[in-house]
C-alpha cells in the first residue's frame, strides 16, 4: 500500500469503480444518441404543442432523469439516518 493511500488520499484509479465506469459509459452513449438525432419534431405536453430539435427534447429529458436520480439517491441515504 502506498503512503498516499495510507494517509487517506484515494488515487484516480481507486475512485474509478465498476459502477462509476458503467455510469460514465451510459452517459456517453446517451449523449451520442442525443446528438445523432437533430431533426425537428413536434412535442406535446398536455395542451401546448412545441416544435424543437429532437436532441434538445432528449437532452432535457436526460437532465430531468439525472436530477431525479440524484434526488432519490440523496433521499435514500437520509432514510437510514433516522
PDB file of N, CA and C in Angstrom:
ATOM      1  N   UNK A   1       0.850  -1.179   0.000  1.00  0.00           N
ATOM      2  CA  UNK A   1       0.000   0.000   0.000  1.00  0.00           C
ATOM      3  C   UNK A   1       0.894   1.241   0.000  1.00  0.00           C
ATOM      4  N   UNK A   2       0.606   2.234  -0.805  1.00  0.00           N
ATOM      5  CA  UNK A   2       1.434   3.424  -0.883  1.00  0.00           C
ATOM      6  C   UNK A   2       1.159   4.352   0.287  1.00  0.00           C
ATOM      7  N   UNK A   3       2.049   5.301   0.490  1.00  0.00           N
ATOM      8  CA  UNK A   3       1.874   6.243   1.595  1.00  0.00           C
ATOM      9  C   UNK A   3       0.672   7.149   1.365  1.00  0.00           C
ATOM     10  N   UNK A   4       0.323   7.441   0.073  1.00  0.00           N
ATOM     11  CA  UNK A   4      -0.845   8.265  -0.215  1.00  0.00           C
ATOM     12  C   UNK A   4      -2.124   7.565   0.214  1.00  0.00           C
ATOM     13  N   UNK A   5      -2.221   6.264  -0.033  1.00  0.00           N
ATOM     14  CA  UNK A   5      -3.414   5.514   0.339  1.00  0.00           C
ATOM     15  C   UNK A   5      -3.514   5.409   1.849  1.00  0.00           C
ATOM     16  N   UNK A   6      -2.391   5.218   2.517  1.00  0.00           N
ATOM     17  CA  UNK A   6      -2.391   5.134   3.977  1.00  0.00           C
ATOM     18  C   UNK A   6      -2.807   6.455   4.606  1.00  0.00           C
ATOM     19  N   UNK A   7      -2.477   7.567   3.983  1.00  0.00           N
ATOM     20  CA  UNK A   7      -2.798   8.882   4.523  1.00  0.00           C
ATOM     21  C   UNK A   7      -4.253   9.255   4.270  1.00  0.00           C
ATOM     22  N   UNK A   8      -5.011   8.402   3.583  1.00  0.00           N
ATOM     23  CA  UNK A   8      -6.422   8.686   3.337  1.00  0.00           C
ATOM     24  C   UNK A   8      -6.699   9.283   1.979  1.00  0.00           C
ATOM     25  N   UNK A   9      -5.675   9.497   1.185  1.00  0.00           N
ATOM     26  CA  UNK A   9      -5.879  10.025  -0.163  1.00  0.00           C
ATOM     27  C   UNK A   9      -6.148   8.877  -1.102  1.00  0.00           C
ATOM     28  N   UNK A  10      -7.188   9.030  -1.907  1.00  0.00           N
ATOM     29  CA  UNK A  10      -7.514   7.999  -2.892  1.00  0.00           C
ATOM     30  C   UNK A  10      -7.074   8.482  -4.261  1.00  0.00           C
ATOM     31  N   UNK A  11      -6.399   7.627  -4.991  1.00  0.00           N
ATOM     32  CA  UNK A  11      -5.949   7.990  -6.328  1.00  0.00           C
ATOM     33  C   UNK A  11      -7.118   7.910  -7.295  1.00  0.00           C
ATOM     34  N   UNK A  12      -6.911   8.465  -8.476  1.00  0.00           N
ATOM     35  CA  UNK A  12      -7.948   8.432  -9.513  1.00  0.00           C
ATOM     36  C   UNK A  12      -8.322   6.992  -9.836  1.00  0.00           C
ATOM     37  N   UNK A  13      -7.345   6.125  -9.899  1.00  0.00           N
ATOM     38  CA  UNK A  13      -7.601   4.716 -10.216  1.00  0.00           C
ATOM     39  C   UNK A  13      -8.452   4.052  -9.123  1.00  0.00           C
ATOM     40  N   UNK A  14      -8.228   4.394  -7.876  1.00  0.00           N
ATOM     41  CA  UNK A  14      -9.035   3.850  -6.773  1.00  0.00           C
ATOM     42  C   UNK A  14     -10.483   4.315  -6.852  1.00  0.00           C
ATOM     43  N   UNK A  15     -10.697   5.523  -7.325  1.00  0.00           N
ATOM     44  CA  UNK A  15     -12.042   6.096  -7.376  1.00  0.00           C
ATOM     45  C   UNK A  15     -12.860   5.580  -8.549  1.00  0.00           C
ATOM     46  N   UNK A  16     -12.219   5.024  -9.571  1.00  0.00           N
ATOM     47  CA  UNK A  16     -12.930   4.532 -10.752  1.00  0.00           C
ATOM     48  C   UNK A  16     -13.418   3.103 -10.508  1.00  0.00           C
ATOM     49  N   UNK A  17     -14.563   2.992  -9.863  1.00  0.00           N
ATOM     50  CA  UNK A  17     -15.159   1.686  -9.598  1.00  0.00           C
ATOM     51  C   UNK A  17     -15.917   1.208 -10.834  1.00  0.00           C
ATOM     52  N   UNK A  18     -16.322  -0.050 -10.816  1.00  0.00           N
ATOM     53  CA  UNK A  18     -17.076  -0.606 -11.945  1.00  0.00           C
ATOM     54  C   UNK A  18     -18.386   0.144 -12.142  1.00  0.00           C
ATOM     55  N   UNK A  19     -19.039   0.512 -11.063  1.00  0.00           N
ATOM     56  CA  UNK A  19     -20.292   1.257 -11.160  1.00  0.00           C
ATOM     57  C   UNK A  19     -20.103   2.620 -11.794  1.00  0.00           C
ATOM     58  N   UNK A  20     -19.052   3.322 -11.406  1.00  0.00           N
ATOM     59  CA  UNK A  20     -18.787   4.646 -11.984  1.00  0.00           C
ATOM     60  C   UNK A  20     -18.420   4.549 -13.456  1.00  0.00           C
ATOM     61  N   UNK A  21     -17.671   3.527 -13.823  1.00  0.00           N
ATOM     62  CA  UNK A  21     -17.315   3.346 -15.233  1.00  0.00           C
ATOM     63  C   UNK A  21     -18.569   3.048 -16.042  1.00  0.00           C
ATOM     64  N   UNK A  22     -19.451   2.212 -15.509  1.00  0.00           N
ATOM     65  CA  UNK A  22     -20.701   1.884 -16.194  1.00  0.00           C
ATOM     66  C   UNK A  22     -21.551   3.122 -16.409  1.00  0.00           C
ATOM     67  N   UNK A  23     -21.696   3.949 -15.374  1.00  0.00           N
ATOM     68  CA  UNK A  23     -22.476   5.178 -15.487  1.00  0.00           C
ATOM     69  C   UNK A  23     -21.838   6.122 -16.504  1.00  0.00           C
ATOM     70  N   UNK A  24     -20.537   6.226 -16.496  1.00  0.00           N
ATOM     71  CA  UNK A  24     -19.838   7.088 -17.448  1.00  0.00           C
ATOM     72  C   UNK A  24     -20.080   6.626 -18.880  1.00  0.00           C
ATOM     73  N   UNK A  25     -19.992   5.326 -19.131  1.00  0.00           N
ATOM     74  CA  UNK A  25     -20.236   4.784 -20.469  1.00  0.00           C
ATOM     75  C   UNK A  25     -21.679   5.043 -20.893  1.00  0.00           C
ATOM     76  N   UNK A  26     -22.640   4.822 -19.982  1.00  0.00           N
ATOM     77  CA  UNK A  26     -24.043   5.074 -20.306  1.00  0.00           C
ATOM     78  C   UNK A  26     -24.301   6.544 -20.606  1.00  0.00           C
ATOM     79  N   UNK A  27     -23.668   7.434 -19.882  1.00  0.00           N
ATOM     80  CA  UNK A  27     -23.818   8.870 -20.147  1.00  0.00           C
ATOM     81  C   UNK A  27     -23.263   9.240 -21.520  1.00  0.00           C
ATOM     82  N   UNK A  28     -22.108   8.686 -21.861  1.00  0.00           N
ATOM     83  CA  UNK A  28     -21.518   8.964 -23.172  1.00  0.00           C
ATOM     84  C   UNK A  28     -22.426   8.437 -24.279  1.00  0.00           C
ATOM     85  N   UNK A  29     -22.951   7.217 -24.118  1.00  0.00           N
ATOM     86  CA  UNK A  29     -23.866   6.661 -25.120  1.00  0.00           C
ATOM     87  C   UNK A  29     -25.139   7.488 -25.235  1.00  0.00           C
ATOM     88  N   UNK A  30     -25.661   7.962 -24.110  1.00  0.00           N
ATOM     89  CA  UNK A  30     -26.865   8.803 -24.140  1.00  0.00           C
ATOM     90  C   UNK A  30     -26.582  10.104 -24.889  1.00  0.00           C
ATOM     91  N   UNK A  31     -25.429  10.703 -24.643  1.00  0.00           N
ATOM     92  CA  UNK A  31     -25.086  11.947 -25.336  1.00  0.00           C
ATOM     93  C   UNK A  31     -24.883  11.712 -26.833  1.00  0.00           C
ATOM     94  N   UNK A  32     -24.265  10.609 -27.213  1.00  0.00           N
ATOM     95  CA  UNK A  32     -24.104  10.288 -28.634  1.00  0.00           C
ATOM     96  C   UNK A  32     -25.475  10.138 -29.278  1.00  0.00           C
ATOM     97  N   UNK A  33     -26.389   9.415 -28.617  1.00  0.00           N
ATOM     98  CA  UNK A  33     -27.744   9.234 -29.135  1.00  0.00           C
ATOM     99  C   UNK A  33     -28.452  10.565 -29.303  1.00  0.00           C
ATOM    100  N   UNK A  34     -28.302  11.422 -28.304  1.00  0.00           N
ATOM    101  CA  UNK A  34     -28.959  12.736 -28.351  1.00  0.00           C
ATOM    102  C   UNK A  34     -28.458  13.548 -29.544  1.00  0.00           C
ATOM    103  N   UNK A  35     -27.146  13.628 -29.714  1.00  0.00           N
ATOM    104  CA  UNK A  35     -26.605  14.485 -30.752  1.00  0.00           C
ATOM    105  C   UNK A  35     -26.686  13.873 -32.153  1.00  0.00           C
ATOM    106  N   UNK A  36     -27.033  12.607 -32.256  1.00  0.00           N
ATOM    107  CA  UNK A  36     -27.275  11.982 -33.560  1.00  0.00           C
ATOM    108  C   UNK A  36     -28.693  12.271 -34.054  1.00  0.00           C
ATOM    109  N   UNK A  37     -29.581  12.678 -33.170  1.00  0.00           N
ATOM    110  CA  UNK A  37     -30.979  12.924 -33.524  1.00  0.00           C
ATOM    111  C   UNK A  37     -31.243  14.434 -33.522  1.00  0.00           C
ATOM    112  N   UNK A  38     -30.992  15.069 -34.661  1.00  0.00           N
ATOM    113  CA  UNK A  38     -31.041  16.530 -34.716  1.00  0.00           C
ATOM    114  C   UNK A  38     -32.242  17.098 -35.468  1.00  0.00           C
ATOM    115  N   UNK A  39     -33.093  16.248 -36.010  1.00  0.00           N
ATOM    116  CA  UNK A  39     -34.230  16.780 -36.785  1.00  0.00           C
ATOM    117  C   UNK A  39     -35.249  17.442 -35.839  1.00  0.00           C
ATOM    118  N   UNK A  40     -36.103  18.297 -36.404  1.00  0.00           N
ATOM    119  CA  UNK A  40     -37.129  18.983 -35.623  1.00  0.00           C
ATOM    120  C   UNK A  40     -38.387  18.116 -35.530  1.00  0.00           C
ATOM    121  N   UNK A  41     -38.976  18.113 -34.355  1.00  0.00           N
ATOM    122  CA  UNK A  41     -40.189  17.322 -34.110  1.00  0.00           C
ATOM    123  C   UNK A  41     -41.193  18.168 -33.337  1.00  0.00           C
ATOM    124  N   UNK A  42     -42.463  17.760 -33.418  1.00  0.00           N
ATOM    125  CA  UNK A  42     -43.499  18.401 -32.622  1.00  0.00           C
ATOM    126  C   UNK A  42     -43.652  17.618 -31.332  1.00  0.00           C
ATOM    127  N   UNK A  43     -43.615  18.332 -30.233  1.00  0.00           N
ATOM    128  CA  UNK A  43     -43.724  17.709 -28.916  1.00  0.00           C
ATOM    129  C   UNK A  43     -44.938  18.294 -28.215  1.00  0.00           C
ATOM    130  N   UNK A  44     -45.733  17.403 -27.646  1.00  0.00           N
ATOM    131  CA  UNK A  44     -46.945  17.851 -26.970  1.00  0.00           C
ATOM    132  C   UNK A  44     -46.901  17.401 -25.518  1.00  0.00           C
ATOM    133  N   UNK A  45     -47.042  18.354 -24.615  1.00  0.00           N
ATOM    134  CA  UNK A  45     -47.095  18.073 -23.194  1.00  0.00           C
ATOM    135  C   UNK A  45     -48.409  18.630 -22.680  1.00  0.00           C
ATOM    136  N   UNK A  46     -49.354  17.739 -22.434  1.00  0.00           N
ATOM    137  CA  UNK A  46     -50.721  18.088 -22.056  1.00  0.00           C
ATOM    138  C   UNK A  46     -51.363  18.894 -23.179  1.00  0.00           C
ATOM    139  N   UNK A  47     -51.414  20.215 -23.097  1.00  0.00           N
ATOM    140  CA  UNK A  47     -52.115  21.004 -24.106  1.00  0.00           C
ATOM    141  C   UNK A  47     -51.169  21.669 -25.105  1.00  0.00           C
ATOM    142  N   UNK A  48     -50.097  22.360 -24.661  1.00  0.00           N
ATOM    143  CA  UNK A  48     -49.277  23.094 -25.645  1.00  0.00           C
ATOM    144  C   UNK A  48     -48.492  22.145 -26.554  1.00  0.00           C
ATOM    145  N   UNK A  49     -48.311  22.575 -27.800  1.00  0.00           N
ATOM    146  CA  UNK A  49     -47.511  21.827 -28.764  1.00  0.00           C
ATOM    147  C   UNK A  49     -46.340  22.703 -29.182  1.00  0.00           C
ATOM    148  N   UNK A  50     -45.142  22.136 -29.092  1.00  0.00           N
ATOM    149  CA  UNK A  50     -43.924  22.892 -29.364  1.00  0.00           C
ATOM    150  C   UNK A  50     -43.134  22.155 -30.438  1.00  0.00           C
ATOM    151  N   UNK A  51     -42.516  22.900 -31.345  1.00  0.00           N
ATOM    152  CA  UNK A  51     -41.614  22.315 -32.331  1.00  0.00           C
ATOM    153  C   UNK A  51     -40.191  22.680 -31.935  1.00  0.00           C
ATOM    154  N   UNK A  52     -39.367  21.665 -31.777  1.00  0.00           N
ATOM    155  CA  UNK A  52     -37.964  21.902 -31.411  1.00  0.00           C
ATOM    156  C   UNK A  52     -37.117  20.757 -31.942  1.00  0.00           C
ATOM    157  N   UNK A  53     -35.821  20.952 -31.885  1.00  0.00           N
ATOM    158  CA  UNK A  53     -34.907  19.896 -32.311  1.00  0.00           C
ATOM    159  C   UNK A  53     -35.043  18.714 -31.362  1.00  0.00           C
ATOM    160  N   UNK A  54     -35.042  17.526 -31.919  1.00  0.00           N
ATOM    161  CA  UNK A  54     -35.205  16.323 -31.108  1.00  0.00           C
ATOM    162  C   UNK A  54     -34.105  16.199 -30.064  1.00  0.00           C
ATOM    163  N   UNK A  55     -32.868  16.600 -30.404  1.00  0.00           N
ATOM    164  CA  UNK A  55     -31.781  16.468 -29.447  1.00  0.00           C
ATOM    165  C   UNK A  55     -32.006  17.340 -28.225  1.00  0.00           C
ATOM    166  N   UNK A  56     -32.652  18.495 -28.392  1.00  0.00           N
ATOM    167  CA  UNK A  56     -32.932  19.355 -27.241  1.00  0.00           C
ATOM    168  C   UNK A  56     -33.954  18.684 -26.322  1.00  0.00           C
ATOM    169  N   UNK A  57     -34.993  18.095 -26.915  1.00  0.00           N
ATOM    170  CA  UNK A  57     -36.003  17.398 -26.117  1.00  0.00           C
ATOM    171  C   UNK A  57     -35.380  16.211 -25.378  1.00  0.00           C
ATOM    172  N   UNK A  58     -34.516  15.469 -26.070  1.00  0.00           N
ATOM    173  CA  UNK A  58     -33.850  14.335 -25.434  1.00  0.00           C
ATOM    174  C   UNK A  58     -32.902  14.788 -24.330  1.00  0.00           C
ATOM    175  N   UNK A  59     -32.190  15.875 -24.564  1.00  0.00           N
ATOM    176  CA  UNK A  59     -31.272  16.395 -23.553  1.00  0.00           C
ATOM    177  C   UNK A  59     -32.032  16.854 -22.311  1.00  0.00           C
ATOM    178  N   UNK A  60     -33.156  17.529 -22.506  1.00  0.00           N
ATOM    179  CA  UNK A  60     -33.981  17.965 -21.376  1.00  0.00           C
ATOM    180  C   UNK A  60     -34.473  16.752 -20.583  1.00  0.00           C
ATOM    181  N   UNK A  61     -34.933  15.730 -21.289  1.00  0.00           N
ATOM    182  CA  UNK A  61     -35.396  14.514 -20.627  1.00  0.00           C
ATOM    183  C   UNK A  61     -34.259  13.844 -19.863  1.00  0.00           C
ATOM    184  N   UNK A  62     -33.083  13.794 -20.454  1.00  0.00           N
ATOM    185  CA  UNK A  62     -31.904  13.210 -19.807  1.00  0.00           C
ATOM    186  C   UNK A  62     -31.546  13.962 -18.531  1.00  0.00           C
ATOM    187  N   UNK A  63     -31.532  15.285 -18.592  1.00  0.00           N
ATOM    188  CA  UNK A  63     -31.188  16.100 -17.419  1.00  0.00           C
ATOM    189  C   UNK A  63     -32.225  15.921 -16.315  1.00  0.00           C
ATOM    190  N   UNK A  64     -33.505  15.909 -16.672  1.00  0.00           N
ATOM    191  CA  UNK A  64     -34.559  15.698 -15.675  1.00  0.00           C
ATOM    192  C   UNK A  64     -34.392  14.332 -15.016  1.00  0.00           C
ATOM    193  N   UNK A  65     -34.095  13.303 -15.796  1.00  0.00           N
ATOM    194  CA  UNK A  65     -33.878  11.968 -15.243  1.00  0.00           C
ATOM    195  C   UNK A  65     -32.667  11.921 -14.321  1.00  0.00           C
ATOM    196  N   UNK A  66     -31.578  12.579 -14.718  1.00  0.00           N
ATOM    197  CA  UNK A  66     -30.374  12.605 -13.888  1.00  0.00           C
ATOM    198  C   UNK A  66     -30.631  13.336 -12.573  1.00  0.00           C
ATOM    199  N   UNK A  67     -31.321  14.465 -12.641  1.00  0.00           N
ATOM    200  CA  UNK A  67     -31.646  15.203 -11.414  1.00  0.00           C
ATOM    201  C   UNK A  67     -32.569  14.388 -10.509  1.00  0.00           C
ATOM    202  N   UNK A  68     -33.534  13.715 -11.109  1.00  0.00           N
ATOM    203  CA  UNK A  68     -34.432  12.859 -10.325  1.00  0.00           C
ATOM    204  C   UNK A  68     -33.672  11.721  -9.658  1.00  0.00           C
ATOM    205  N   UNK A  69     -32.743  11.111 -10.374  1.00  0.00           N
ATOM    206  CA  UNK A  69     -31.923  10.049  -9.794  1.00  0.00           C
ATOM    207  C   UNK A  69     -31.064  10.549  -8.652  1.00  0.00           C
ATOM    208  N   UNK A  70     -30.469  11.728  -8.809  1.00  0.00           N
ATOM    209  CA  UNK A  70     -29.659  12.304  -7.733  1.00  0.00           C
ATOM    210  C   UNK A  70     -30.522  12.619  -6.518  1.00  0.00           C
ATOM    211  N   UNK A  71     -31.718  13.136  -6.748  1.00  0.00           N
ATOM    212  CA  UNK A  71     -32.634  13.462  -5.654  1.00  0.00           C
ATOM    213  C   UNK A  71     -33.026  12.201  -4.888  1.00  0.00           C
ATOM    214  N   UNK A  72     -33.382  11.145  -5.612  1.00  0.00           N
ATOM    215  CA  UNK A  72     -33.783   9.903  -4.958  1.00  0.00           C
ATOM    216  C   UNK A  72     -32.615   9.252  -4.226  1.00  0.00           C
ATOM    217  N   UNK A  73     -31.429   9.332  -4.782  1.00  0.00           N
ATOM    218  CA  UNK A  73     -30.253   8.773  -4.112  1.00  0.00           C
ATOM    219  C   UNK A  73     -29.968   9.530  -2.826  1.00  0.00           C
ATOM    220  N   UNK A  74     -30.074  10.829  -2.877  1.00  0.00           N
ATOM    221  CA  UNK A  74     -29.812  11.650  -1.696  1.00  0.00           C
ATOM    222  C   UNK A  74     -30.851  11.376  -0.610  1.00  0.00           C
ATOM    223  N   UNK A  75     -32.139  11.270  -0.995  1.00  0.00           N
ATOM    224  CA  UNK A  75     -33.197  10.978  -0.031  1.00  0.00           C
ATOM    225  C   UNK A  75     -33.053   9.582   0.546  1.00  0.00           C
ATOM    226  N   UNK A  76     -32.618   8.641  -0.258  1.00  0.00           N
ATOM    227  CA  UNK A  76     -32.439   7.265   0.201  1.00  0.00           C
ATOM    228  C   UNK A  76     -31.403   7.157   1.305  1.00  0.00           C
ATOM    229  N   UNK A  77     -30.372   7.973   1.204  1.00  0.00           N
ATOM    230  CA  UNK A  77     -29.328   7.967   2.238  1.00  0.00           C
ATOM    231  C   UNK A  77     -29.821   8.557   3.533  1.00  0.00           C
ATOM    232  N   UNK A  78     -30.732   9.493   3.480  1.00  0.00           N
ATOM    233  CA  UNK A  78     -31.233  10.138   4.693  1.00  0.00           C
ATOM    234  C   UNK A  78     -32.197   9.253   5.453  1.00  0.00           C
ATOM    235  N   UNK A  79     -32.885   8.374   4.750  1.00  0.00           N
ATOM    236  CA  UNK A  79     -33.837   7.490   5.432  1.00  0.00           C
ATOM    237  C   UNK A  79     -33.145   6.598   6.446  1.00  0.00           C
ATOM    238  N   UNK A  80     -31.951   6.146   6.120  1.00  0.00           N
ATOM    239  CA  UNK A  80     -31.224   5.260   7.023  1.00  0.00           C
ATOM    240  C   UNK A  80     -30.700   5.960   8.262  1.00  0.00           C
ATOM    241  N   UNK A  81     -30.647   7.297   8.229  1.00  0.00           N
ATOM    242  CA  UNK A  81     -30.132   8.062   9.354  1.00  0.00           C
ATOM    243  C   UNK A  81     -31.156   8.187  10.470  1.00  0.00           C
ATOM    244  N   UNK A  82     -32.422   7.971  10.167  1.00  0.00           N
ATOM    245  CA  UNK A  82     -33.458   8.185  11.166  1.00  0.00           C
ATOM    246  C   UNK A  82     -33.441   7.159  12.249  1.00  0.00           C
TER     247      UNK A  82
END
